[in-house]
């Protein structure tokens, strides 16, 4: 937030045609930009106040940020229809919908598989910040019920979830198949995506999740938590699970791993679906938005 404040002050004297603010928590800079008649758009991101990591103060800040976004920004950007619907129903606000994208990099695999001791198409991949609403603990517990020799590679970390991570480590210690790698980025991350037997997306809060699109673009056989946001992205190309009695993760994933040869057509459908989320199209949409802002088309 301090970075957003300094950036907004810096923008005042630069005669920008338009300014993009990211995340509703930074909406407090919008009145300043509006007072200086600088055209602004804000990408509000997900419905952040619903994340369990925030205390009462954090949720209040985000609720205030939502209100300031619709009051002071010239344009509000949502990354998914679900988020747009929320702002229409909660704040009676119109939004532009611009999703995130995924690349299709043409690169060689790194040596990360050898370093982790896993084989191509021989592991299940989970990637996320280790936060309650991303359900890493529930995924690990469910995997203990899956009858497969394939390891579950869990990529991610978080600086503010010490108790959750400690509990997750206890679960991992009880099953040698569960591997906690911490954060992995760049070529190593993309190599893990490309070579996974299956990919589990368990995020429960947010809009368009970049990791989900990236997994689809990499040709992953994707299994996602059944939420409106994930269905909006994955459509019929991916399969869904719940943490309840209906389509529980262990059962759905177990069925997948019993027939690995049937996953190839699934991967192709995921990759084709991911082409809808093209970074060039995202860039074009933002260029149109900025031109409209610069021309006063609010």
C-alpha atoms as a PDB file:
ATOM      1  CA  UNK A   1       0.000   0.000   0.000  1.00  0.00           C
ATOM      2  CA  UNK A   2       2.923   2.353   0.640  1.00  0.00           C
ATOM      3  CA  UNK A   3       4.192   1.552  -2.859  1.00  0.00           C
ATOM      4  CA  UNK A   4       0.778   2.395  -4.320  1.00  0.00           C
ATOM      5  CA  UNK A   5       0.716   5.714  -2.453  1.00  0.00           C
ATOM      6  CA  UNK A   6       4.198   6.698  -3.628  1.00  0.00           C
ATOM      7  CA  UNK A   7       3.380   5.629  -7.196  1.00  0.00           C
ATOM      8  CA  UNK A   8       0.199   7.713  -7.198  1.00  0.00           C
ATOM      9  CA  UNK A   9       2.047  10.804  -5.943  1.00  0.00           C
ATOM     10  CA  UNK A  10       4.721  10.235  -8.581  1.00  0.00           C
ATOM     11  CA  UNK A  11       2.050   9.989 -11.292  1.00  0.00           C
ATOM     12  CA  UNK A  12       0.628  13.424 -10.482  1.00  0.00           C
ATOM     13  CA  UNK A  13       3.308  15.345 -12.353  1.00  0.00           C
ATOM     14  CA  UNK A  14       3.863  13.014 -15.298  1.00  0.00           C
ATOM     15  CA  UNK A  15       0.874  13.923 -17.505  1.00  0.00           C
ATOM     16  CA  UNK A  16      -0.202  10.327 -18.052  1.00  0.00           C
ATOM     17  CA  UNK A  17      -3.139   9.698 -20.382  1.00  0.00           C
ATOM     18  CA  UNK A  18      -4.443   7.046 -17.978  1.00  0.00           C
ATOM     19  CA  UNK A  19      -3.469   5.195 -14.809  1.00  0.00           C
ATOM     20  CA  UNK A  20      -4.198   1.575 -13.908  1.00  0.00           C
ATOM     21  CA  UNK A  21      -4.467   0.702 -10.222  1.00  0.00           C
ATOM     22  CA  UNK A  22      -4.350  -2.974  -9.260  1.00  0.00           C
ATOM     23  CA  UNK A  23      -6.225  -4.549  -6.318  1.00  0.00           C
ATOM     24  CA  UNK A  24      -9.081  -3.011  -4.347  1.00  0.00           C
ATOM     25  CA  UNK A  25      -6.796  -2.573  -1.323  1.00  0.00           C
ATOM     26  CA  UNK A  26      -5.064   0.211  -3.253  1.00  0.00           C
ATOM     27  CA  UNK A  27      -8.292   2.076  -4.067  1.00  0.00           C
ATOM     28  CA  UNK A  28      -7.426   4.678  -1.417  1.00  0.00           C
ATOM     29  CA  UNK A  29      -5.232   6.439  -4.031  1.00  0.00           C
ATOM     30  CA  UNK A  30      -8.175   6.930  -6.394  1.00  0.00           C
ATOM     31  CA  UNK A  31      -9.564  10.137  -4.783  1.00  0.00           C
ATOM     32  CA  UNK A  32      -6.142  11.770  -5.196  1.00  0.00           C
ATOM     33  CA  UNK A  33      -5.932  10.822  -8.874  1.00  0.00           C
ATOM     34  CA  UNK A  34      -9.544  11.860  -9.438  1.00  0.00           C
ATOM     35  CA  UNK A  35      -8.909  15.251  -7.819  1.00  0.00           C
ATOM     36  CA  UNK A  36      -6.103  15.812 -10.324  1.00  0.00           C
ATOM     37  CA  UNK A  37      -8.417  14.767 -13.180  1.00  0.00           C
ATOM     38  CA  UNK A  38      -6.235  11.829 -14.169  1.00  0.00           C
ATOM     39  CA  UNK A  39      -8.322   9.125 -15.903  1.00  0.00           C
ATOM     40  CA  UNK A  40      -8.083   5.914 -13.881  1.00  0.00           C
ATOM     41  CA  UNK A  41      -9.078   2.266 -14.066  1.00  0.00           C
ATOM     42  CA  UNK A  42      -8.798  -0.232 -11.245  1.00  0.00           C
ATOM     43  CA  UNK A  43      -8.509  -3.995 -11.563  1.00  0.00           C
ATOM     44  CA  UNK A  44     -10.198  -5.040  -8.343  1.00  0.00           C
ATOM     45  CA  UNK A  45      -8.831  -8.618  -8.487  1.00  0.00           C
ATOM     46  CA  UNK A  46     -10.912 -11.178  -6.556  1.00  0.00           C
ATOM     47  CA  UNK A  47     -13.307 -10.657  -3.663  1.00  0.00           C
ATOM     48  CA  UNK A  48     -10.342 -10.417  -1.349  1.00  0.00           C
ATOM     49  CA  UNK A  49     -12.254  -9.701   1.856  1.00  0.00           C
ATOM     50  CA  UNK A  50     -13.509 -13.290   1.764  1.00  0.00           C
ATOM     51  CA  UNK A  51     -10.024 -14.711   2.258  1.00  0.00           C
ATOM     52  CA  UNK A  52      -9.668 -16.333   5.656  1.00  0.00           C
ATOM     53  CA  UNK A  53      -6.193 -14.908   6.231  1.00  0.00           C
ATOM     54  CA  UNK A  54      -7.612 -11.419   6.831  1.00  0.00           C
ATOM     55  CA  UNK A  55      -8.742 -10.311  10.261  1.00  0.00           C
ATOM     56  CA  UNK A  56     -11.637  -7.909  10.833  1.00  0.00           C
ATOM     57  CA  UNK A  57      -9.482  -4.879   9.996  1.00  0.00           C
ATOM     58  CA  UNK A  58      -8.228  -6.428   6.766  1.00  0.00           C
ATOM     59  CA  UNK A  59     -11.738  -7.297   5.635  1.00  0.00           C
ATOM     60  CA  UNK A  60     -12.927  -3.788   6.478  1.00  0.00           C
ATOM     61  CA  UNK A  61     -10.114  -2.302   4.383  1.00  0.00           C
ATOM     62  CA  UNK A  62     -11.096  -4.441   1.417  1.00  0.00           C
ATOM     63  CA  UNK A  63     -14.791  -3.634   1.779  1.00  0.00           C
ATOM     64  CA  UNK A  64     -13.890   0.045   1.831  1.00  0.00           C
ATOM     65  CA  UNK A  65     -11.661  -0.507  -1.185  1.00  0.00           C
ATOM     66  CA  UNK A  66     -14.565  -2.013  -3.092  1.00  0.00           C
ATOM     67  CA  UNK A  67     -16.704   1.041  -2.357  1.00  0.00           C
ATOM     68  CA  UNK A  68     -13.944   3.511  -3.268  1.00  0.00           C
ATOM     69  CA  UNK A  69     -13.277   1.628  -6.493  1.00  0.00           C
ATOM     70  CA  UNK A  70     -16.787   2.172  -7.788  1.00  0.00           C
ATOM     71  CA  UNK A  71     -16.996   5.733  -6.435  1.00  0.00           C
ATOM     72  CA  UNK A  72     -13.723   7.185  -7.722  1.00  0.00           C
ATOM     73  CA  UNK A  73     -12.403   5.076 -10.627  1.00  0.00           C
ATOM     74  CA  UNK A  74     -13.501   5.956 -14.136  1.00  0.00           C
ATOM     75  CA  UNK A  75     -13.548   2.252 -15.044  1.00  0.00           C
ATOM     76  CA  UNK A  76     -13.625  -0.885 -12.897  1.00  0.00           C
ATOM     77  CA  UNK A  77     -12.037  -4.043 -14.306  1.00  0.00           C
ATOM     78  CA  UNK A  78     -13.017  -7.552 -13.218  1.00  0.00           C
ATOM     79  CA  UNK A  79     -11.059 -10.612 -14.299  1.00  0.00           C
ATOM     80  CA  UNK A  80     -14.094 -12.929 -14.398  1.00  0.00           C
ATOM     81  CA  UNK A  81     -17.858 -12.762 -14.893  1.00  0.00           C
ATOM     82  CA  UNK A  82     -18.336 -13.964 -11.312  1.00  0.00           C
ATOM     83  CA  UNK A  83     -16.508 -10.872 -10.029  1.00  0.00           C
ATOM     84  CA  UNK A  84     -18.442  -8.607 -12.399  1.00  0.00           C
ATOM     85  CA  UNK A  85     -21.717 -10.088 -11.135  1.00  0.00           C
ATOM     86  CA  UNK A  86     -20.655  -9.446  -7.531  1.00  0.00           C
ATOM     87  CA  UNK A  87     -19.915  -5.766  -8.212  1.00  0.00           C
ATOM     88  CA  UNK A  88     -23.202  -5.355 -10.069  1.00  0.00           C
ATOM     89  CA  UNK A  89     -25.235  -6.946  -7.260  1.00  0.00           C
ATOM     90  CA  UNK A  90     -23.298  -5.566  -4.273  1.00  0.00           C
ATOM     91  CA  UNK A  91     -22.354  -2.105  -5.554  1.00  0.00           C
ATOM     92  CA  UNK A  92     -24.653  -1.598  -8.581  1.00  0.00           C
ATOM     93  CA  UNK A  93     -21.506  -1.018 -10.621  1.00  0.00           C
ATOM     94  CA  UNK A  94     -20.722  -1.806 -14.235  1.00  0.00           C
ATOM     95  CA  UNK A  95     -17.361  -3.445 -14.907  1.00  0.00           C
ATOM     96  CA  UNK A  96     -15.135  -4.246 -17.848  1.00  0.00           C
ATOM     97  CA  UNK A  97     -14.193  -7.930 -17.908  1.00  0.00           C
ATOM     98  CA  UNK A  98     -10.570  -8.600 -18.820  1.00  0.00           C
ATOM     99  CA  UNK A  99      -9.261 -11.996 -17.779  1.00  0.00           C
ATOM    100  CA  UNK A 100      -5.668 -13.046 -17.260  1.00  0.00           C
ATOM    101  CA  UNK A 101      -3.752 -14.964 -19.904  1.00  0.00           C
ATOM    102  CA  UNK A 102      -1.400 -17.861 -20.357  1.00  0.00           C
ATOM    103  CA  UNK A 103       1.652 -18.312 -22.517  1.00  0.00           C
ATOM    104  CA  UNK A 104       2.676 -21.315 -24.574  1.00  0.00           C
ATOM    105  CA  UNK A 105       6.474 -21.147 -24.164  1.00  0.00           C
ATOM    106  CA  UNK A 106       8.609 -23.199 -26.526  1.00  0.00           C
ATOM    107  CA  UNK A 107      11.436 -24.217 -24.240  1.00  0.00           C
ATOM    108  CA  UNK A 108      13.318 -27.271 -23.095  1.00  0.00           C
ATOM    109  CA  UNK A 109      12.673 -28.905 -19.743  1.00  0.00           C
ATOM    110  CA  UNK A 110      14.923 -28.001 -16.846  1.00  0.00           C
ATOM    111  CA  UNK A 111      16.455 -30.626 -14.573  1.00  0.00           C
ATOM    112  CA  UNK A 112      13.880 -30.042 -11.813  1.00  0.00           C
ATOM    113  CA  UNK A 113      12.340 -33.519 -12.193  1.00  0.00           C
ATOM    114  CA  UNK A 114      15.682 -35.156 -11.516  1.00  0.00           C
ATOM    115  CA  UNK A 115      16.325 -32.862  -8.564  1.00  0.00           C
ATOM    116  CA  UNK A 116      12.972 -33.757  -7.031  1.00  0.00           C
ATOM    117  CA  UNK A 117      13.327 -37.439  -7.888  1.00  0.00           C
ATOM    118  CA  UNK A 118      10.102 -37.672  -9.927  1.00  0.00           C
ATOM    119  CA  UNK A 119       9.459 -38.953 -13.455  1.00  0.00           C
ATOM    120  CA  UNK A 120       7.587 -37.313 -16.313  1.00  0.00           C
ATOM    121  CA  UNK A 121       3.876 -38.255 -16.130  1.00  0.00           C
ATOM    122  CA  UNK A 122       4.652 -39.900 -12.819  1.00  0.00           C
ATOM    123  CA  UNK A 123       3.343 -37.359 -10.286  1.00  0.00           C
ATOM    124  CA  UNK A 124       0.312 -35.255  -9.407  1.00  0.00           C
ATOM    125  CA  UNK A 125       0.916 -31.506  -9.164  1.00  0.00           C
ATOM    126  CA  UNK A 126      -0.676 -28.941  -6.843  1.00  0.00           C
ATOM    127  CA  UNK A 127       0.396 -25.271  -7.093  1.00  0.00           C
ATOM    128  CA  UNK A 128      -0.857 -22.491  -4.831  1.00  0.00           C
ATOM    129  CA  UNK A 129      -0.093 -20.126  -2.002  1.00  0.00           C
ATOM    130  CA  UNK A 130      -0.508 -22.186   1.136  1.00  0.00           C
ATOM    131  CA  UNK A 131      -3.561 -20.376   2.458  1.00  0.00           C
ATOM    132  CA  UNK A 132      -6.797 -21.778   3.948  1.00  0.00           C
ATOM    133  CA  UNK A 133      -9.029 -20.909   0.970  1.00  0.00           C
ATOM    134  CA  UNK A 134      -6.620 -22.732  -1.368  1.00  0.00           C
ATOM    135  CA  UNK A 135      -7.175 -25.926   0.650  1.00  0.00           C
ATOM    136  CA  UNK A 136      -3.660 -27.414   0.694  1.00  0.00           C
ATOM    137  CA  UNK A 137      -4.416 -29.319   3.893  1.00  0.00           C
ATOM    138  CA  UNK A 138      -7.617 -30.800   2.496  1.00  0.00           C
ATOM    139  CA  UNK A 139      -5.811 -31.841  -0.710  1.00  0.00           C
ATOM    140  CA  UNK A 140      -3.026 -33.570   1.232  1.00  0.00           C
ATOM    141  CA  UNK A 141      -5.488 -35.365   3.509  1.00  0.00           C
ATOM    142  CA  UNK A 142      -7.549 -36.512   0.528  1.00  0.00           C
ATOM    143  CA  UNK A 143      -4.450 -37.796  -1.241  1.00  0.00           C
ATOM    144  CA  UNK A 144      -3.742 -40.178   1.619  1.00  0.00           C
ATOM    145  CA  UNK A 145      -6.901 -42.001   0.508  1.00  0.00           C
ATOM    146  CA  UNK A 146      -5.788 -42.282  -3.139  1.00  0.00           C
ATOM    147  CA  UNK A 147      -4.415 -45.681  -4.066  1.00  0.00           C
ATOM    148  CA  UNK A 148      -1.509 -44.751  -6.320  1.00  0.00           C
ATOM    149  CA  UNK A 149       2.271 -44.855  -6.160  1.00  0.00           C
ATOM    150  CA  UNK A 150       2.454 -41.438  -7.850  1.00  0.00           C
ATOM    151  CA  UNK A 151       3.753 -38.717  -5.517  1.00  0.00           C
ATOM    152  CA  UNK A 152       1.781 -35.541  -4.885  1.00  0.00           C
ATOM    153  CA  UNK A 153       4.119 -32.601  -5.542  1.00  0.00           C
ATOM    154  CA  UNK A 154       2.820 -29.554  -3.645  1.00  0.00           C
ATOM    155  CA  UNK A 155       4.433 -26.326  -4.854  1.00  0.00           C
ATOM    156  CA  UNK A 156       3.936 -23.126  -2.888  1.00  0.00           C
ATOM    157  CA  UNK A 157       4.534 -21.270   0.337  1.00  0.00           C
ATOM    158  CA  UNK A 158       3.179 -18.342   2.354  1.00  0.00           C
ATOM    159  CA  UNK A 159       4.800 -16.068   4.953  1.00  0.00           C
ATOM    160  CA  UNK A 160       1.680 -15.726   7.122  1.00  0.00           C
ATOM    161  CA  UNK A 161       0.279 -19.260   7.444  1.00  0.00           C
ATOM    162  CA  UNK A 162       2.689 -20.810   9.938  1.00  0.00           C
ATOM    163  CA  UNK A 163       0.136 -22.959  11.749  1.00  0.00           C
ATOM    164  CA  UNK A 164      -1.424 -24.247   8.527  1.00  0.00           C
ATOM    165  CA  UNK A 165       1.984 -25.081   7.057  1.00  0.00           C
ATOM    166  CA  UNK A 166       3.002 -26.861  10.260  1.00  0.00           C
ATOM    167  CA  UNK A 167      -0.146 -28.981  10.088  1.00  0.00           C
ATOM    168  CA  UNK A 168       0.484 -29.641   6.401  1.00  0.00           C
ATOM    169  CA  UNK A 169       3.991 -30.838   7.203  1.00  0.00           C
ATOM    170  CA  UNK A 170       2.569 -33.252   9.761  1.00  0.00           C
ATOM    171  CA  UNK A 171       0.243 -34.705   7.134  1.00  0.00           C
ATOM    172  CA  UNK A 172       3.098 -34.959   4.632  1.00  0.00           C
ATOM    173  CA  UNK A 173       5.266 -36.711   7.206  1.00  0.00           C
ATOM    174  CA  UNK A 174       2.607 -39.421   7.518  1.00  0.00           C
ATOM    175  CA  UNK A 175       2.680 -40.213   3.777  1.00  0.00           C
ATOM    176  CA  UNK A 176       6.006 -40.412   1.882  1.00  0.00           C
ATOM    177  CA  UNK A 177       4.193 -39.711  -1.396  1.00  0.00           C
ATOM    178  CA  UNK A 178       3.398 -36.121  -0.373  1.00  0.00           C
ATOM    179  CA  UNK A 179       6.242 -33.740  -1.292  1.00  0.00           C
ATOM    180  CA  UNK A 180       6.352 -30.112  -0.111  1.00  0.00           C
ATOM    181  CA  UNK A 181       8.755 -28.183  -2.339  1.00  0.00           C
ATOM    182  CA  UNK A 182       8.199 -24.565  -1.321  1.00  0.00           C
ATOM    183  CA  UNK A 183       8.062 -21.948  -4.059  1.00  0.00           C
ATOM    184  CA  UNK A 184       9.305 -22.943  -7.529  1.00  0.00           C
ATOM    185  CA  UNK A 185       9.393 -20.443 -10.381  1.00  0.00           C
ATOM    186  CA  UNK A 186      10.396 -19.867 -13.991  1.00  0.00           C
ATOM    187  CA  UNK A 187      11.562 -22.791 -16.168  1.00  0.00           C
ATOM    188  CA  UNK A 188      11.412 -25.215 -13.233  1.00  0.00           C
ATOM    189  CA  UNK A 189       7.774 -24.331 -12.586  1.00  0.00           C
ATOM    190  CA  UNK A 190       6.809 -24.666 -16.253  1.00  0.00           C
ATOM    191  CA  UNK A 191       8.665 -27.979 -16.497  1.00  0.00           C
ATOM    192  CA  UNK A 192       6.643 -29.337 -13.585  1.00  0.00           C
ATOM    193  CA  UNK A 193       3.429 -28.199 -15.262  1.00  0.00           C
ATOM    194  CA  UNK A 194       4.252 -29.789 -18.614  1.00  0.00           C
ATOM    195  CA  UNK A 195       5.214 -33.156 -17.177  1.00  0.00           C
ATOM    196  CA  UNK A 196       2.563 -33.720 -14.516  1.00  0.00           C
ATOM    197  CA  UNK A 197       0.317 -36.750 -14.777  1.00  0.00           C
ATOM    198  CA  UNK A 198      -2.544 -34.649 -13.388  1.00  0.00           C
ATOM    199  CA  UNK A 199      -2.961 -31.168 -11.936  1.00  0.00           C
ATOM    200  CA  UNK A 200      -5.152 -30.274  -8.930  1.00  0.00           C
ATOM    201  CA  UNK A 201      -6.549 -26.721  -8.598  1.00  0.00           C
ATOM    202  CA  UNK A 202      -8.218 -26.279  -5.200  1.00  0.00           C
ATOM    203  CA  UNK A 203      -8.676 -22.506  -4.971  1.00  0.00           C
ATOM    204  CA  UNK A 204     -11.998 -21.498  -3.479  1.00  0.00           C
ATOM    205  CA  UNK A 205     -11.857 -17.667  -3.583  1.00  0.00           C
ATOM    206  CA  UNK A 206     -11.019 -15.350  -6.457  1.00  0.00           C
ATOM    207  CA  UNK A 207     -11.736 -14.871 -10.131  1.00  0.00           C
ATOM    208  CA  UNK A 208      -9.623 -16.128 -12.997  1.00  0.00           C
ATOM    209  CA  UNK A 209      -6.679 -17.956 -11.450  1.00  0.00           C
ATOM    210  CA  UNK A 210      -3.500 -17.634 -13.561  1.00  0.00           C
ATOM    211  CA  UNK A 211      -2.142 -20.961 -12.282  1.00  0.00           C
ATOM    212  CA  UNK A 212      -5.253 -22.732 -13.583  1.00  0.00           C
ATOM    213  CA  UNK A 213      -4.922 -21.228 -17.057  1.00  0.00           C
ATOM    214  CA  UNK A 214      -1.196 -21.988 -17.111  1.00  0.00           C
ATOM    215  CA  UNK A 215      -1.844 -25.610 -16.170  1.00  0.00           C
ATOM    216  CA  UNK A 216      -4.392 -25.903 -18.977  1.00  0.00           C
ATOM    217  CA  UNK A 217      -2.052 -24.253 -21.482  1.00  0.00           C
ATOM    218  CA  UNK A 218       0.739 -26.621 -20.535  1.00  0.00           C
ATOM    219  CA  UNK A 219      -1.421 -29.577 -21.540  1.00  0.00           C
ATOM    220  CA  UNK A 220      -2.292 -30.591 -18.017  1.00  0.00           C
ATOM    221  CA  UNK A 221      -5.091 -33.013 -17.182  1.00  0.00           C
ATOM    222  CA  UNK A 222      -6.756 -30.556 -14.809  1.00  0.00           C
ATOM    223  CA  UNK A 223      -8.993 -31.390 -11.872  1.00  0.00           C
ATOM    224  CA  UNK A 224     -10.446 -28.286 -10.186  1.00  0.00           C
ATOM    225  CA  UNK A 225     -12.575 -27.471  -7.175  1.00  0.00           C
ATOM    226  CA  UNK A 226     -16.174 -27.047  -8.316  1.00  0.00           C
ATOM    227  CA  UNK A 227     -16.702 -23.282  -8.045  1.00  0.00           C
ATOM    228  CA  UNK A 228     -18.392 -20.852 -10.460  1.00  0.00           C
ATOM    229  CA  UNK A 229     -15.035 -19.160 -11.079  1.00  0.00           C
ATOM    230  CA  UNK A 230     -13.243 -22.368 -12.013  1.00  0.00           C
ATOM    231  CA  UNK A 231     -16.126 -23.521 -14.203  1.00  0.00           C
ATOM    232  CA  UNK A 232     -16.051 -20.177 -15.993  1.00  0.00           C
ATOM    233  CA  UNK A 233     -12.419 -20.784 -16.900  1.00  0.00           C
ATOM    234  CA  UNK A 234     -12.397 -24.531 -17.467  1.00  0.00           C
ATOM    235  CA  UNK A 235     -15.830 -25.163 -18.946  1.00  0.00           C
ATOM    236  CA  UNK A 236     -16.210 -28.772 -20.062  1.00  0.00           C
ATOM    237  CA  UNK A 237     -12.478 -29.159 -20.704  1.00  0.00           C
ATOM    238  CA  UNK A 238     -11.595 -29.971 -17.104  1.00  0.00           C
ATOM    239  CA  UNK A 239     -13.087 -32.175 -14.397  1.00  0.00           C
ATOM    240  CA  UNK A 240     -14.330 -31.012 -11.016  1.00  0.00           C
ATOM    241  CA  UNK A 241     -14.377 -32.223  -7.429  1.00  0.00           C
ATOM    242  CA  UNK A 242     -15.729 -31.141  -4.067  1.00  0.00           C
ATOM    243  CA  UNK A 243     -14.625 -31.521  -0.474  1.00  0.00           C
ATOM    244  CA  UNK A 244     -18.009 -32.976   0.433  1.00  0.00           C
ATOM    245  CA  UNK A 245     -19.818 -36.193  -0.370  1.00  0.00           C
ATOM    246  CA  UNK A 246     -20.557 -35.170  -3.961  1.00  0.00           C
ATOM    247  CA  UNK A 247     -17.579 -35.969  -6.196  1.00  0.00           C
ATOM    248  CA  UNK A 248     -14.960 -36.008  -3.410  1.00  0.00           C
ATOM    249  CA  UNK A 249     -11.381 -35.330  -4.454  1.00  0.00           C
ATOM    250  CA  UNK A 250      -9.981 -38.739  -3.475  1.00  0.00           C
ATOM    251  CA  UNK A 251     -12.568 -40.611  -5.513  1.00  0.00           C
ATOM    252  CA  UNK A 252     -12.346 -38.420  -8.638  1.00  0.00           C
ATOM    253  CA  UNK A 253      -8.553 -38.302  -8.611  1.00  0.00           C
ATOM    254  CA  UNK A 254      -8.355 -42.026  -7.947  1.00  0.00           C
ATOM    255  CA  UNK A 255     -10.453 -42.733 -11.033  1.00  0.00           C
ATOM    256  CA  UNK A 256      -8.178 -40.504 -13.106  1.00  0.00           C
ATOM    257  CA  UNK A 257      -5.016 -42.249 -11.998  1.00  0.00           C
ATOM    258  CA  UNK A 258      -6.446 -45.691 -12.728  1.00  0.00           C
ATOM    259  CA  UNK A 259      -6.576 -44.879 -16.457  1.00  0.00           C
ATOM    260  CA  UNK A 260      -3.586 -42.635 -17.258  1.00  0.00           C
ATOM    261  CA  UNK A 261      -3.789 -43.471 -20.982  1.00  0.00           C
ATOM    262  CA  UNK A 262      -7.242 -41.829 -21.108  1.00  0.00           C
ATOM    263  CA  UNK A 263      -5.805 -38.480 -20.017  1.00  0.00           C
ATOM    264  CA  UNK A 264      -4.182 -37.513 -23.354  1.00  0.00           C
ATOM    265  CA  UNK A 265      -7.438 -36.374 -25.064  1.00  0.00           C
ATOM    266  CA  UNK A 266      -8.279 -34.546 -21.866  1.00  0.00           C
ATOM    267  CA  UNK A 267      -4.962 -32.688 -22.006  1.00  0.00           C
ATOM    268  CA  UNK A 268      -5.643 -31.595 -25.565  1.00  0.00           C
ATOM    269  CA  UNK A 269      -9.054 -30.232 -24.599  1.00  0.00           C
ATOM    270  CA  UNK A 270      -7.469 -28.271 -21.758  1.00  0.00           C
ATOM    271  CA  UNK A 271      -4.840 -26.814 -24.047  1.00  0.00           C
ATOM    272  CA  UNK A 272      -7.420 -25.808 -26.623  1.00  0.00           C
ATOM    273  CA  UNK A 273      -9.602 -24.175 -23.961  1.00  0.00           C
ATOM    274  CA  UNK A 274      -6.595 -22.203 -22.663  1.00  0.00           C
ATOM    275  CA  UNK A 275      -6.201 -20.537 -26.068  1.00  0.00           C
ATOM    276  CA  UNK A 276      -9.190 -18.385 -25.147  1.00  0.00           C
ATOM    277  CA  UNK A 277      -6.984 -16.752 -22.516  1.00  0.00           C
ATOM    278  CA  UNK A 278      -4.363 -15.247 -24.798  1.00  0.00           C
ATOM    279  CA  UNK A 279      -2.013 -12.547 -23.492  1.00  0.00           C
ATOM    280  CA  UNK A 280      -2.173 -10.672 -26.805  1.00  0.00           C
ATOM    281  CA  UNK A 281      -5.964 -10.449 -26.478  1.00  0.00           C
ATOM    282  CA  UNK A 282      -5.588  -9.294 -22.859  1.00  0.00           C
ATOM    283  CA  UNK A 283      -3.111  -6.615 -23.962  1.00  0.00           C
ATOM    284  CA  UNK A 284      -5.421  -5.469 -26.757  1.00  0.00           C
ATOM    285  CA  UNK A 285      -8.291  -5.138 -24.273  1.00  0.00           C
ATOM    286  CA  UNK A 286      -6.220  -2.985 -21.933  1.00  0.00           C
ATOM    287  CA  UNK A 287      -4.994  -0.838 -24.844  1.00  0.00           C
ATOM    288  CA  UNK A 288      -8.600  -0.177 -25.871  1.00  0.00           C
ATOM    289  CA  UNK A 289      -9.478   0.654 -22.272  1.00  0.00           C
ATOM    290  CA  UNK A 290      -6.604   3.120 -21.914  1.00  0.00           C
ATOM    291  CA  UNK A 291      -7.377   4.794 -25.239  1.00  0.00           C
ATOM    292  CA  UNK A 292     -11.005   5.223 -24.192  1.00  0.00           C
ATOM    293  CA  UNK A 293      -9.922   6.674 -20.855  1.00  0.00           C
ATOM    294  CA  UNK A 294      -7.543   9.081 -22.602  1.00  0.00           C
ATOM    295  CA  UNK A 295     -10.327  10.172 -24.924  1.00  0.00           C
ATOM    296  CA  UNK A 296     -12.738  10.684 -22.056  1.00  0.00           C
ATOM    297  CA  UNK A 297     -15.002   7.736 -22.958  1.00  0.00           C
ATOM    298  CA  UNK A 298     -15.998   6.710 -19.435  1.00  0.00           C
END
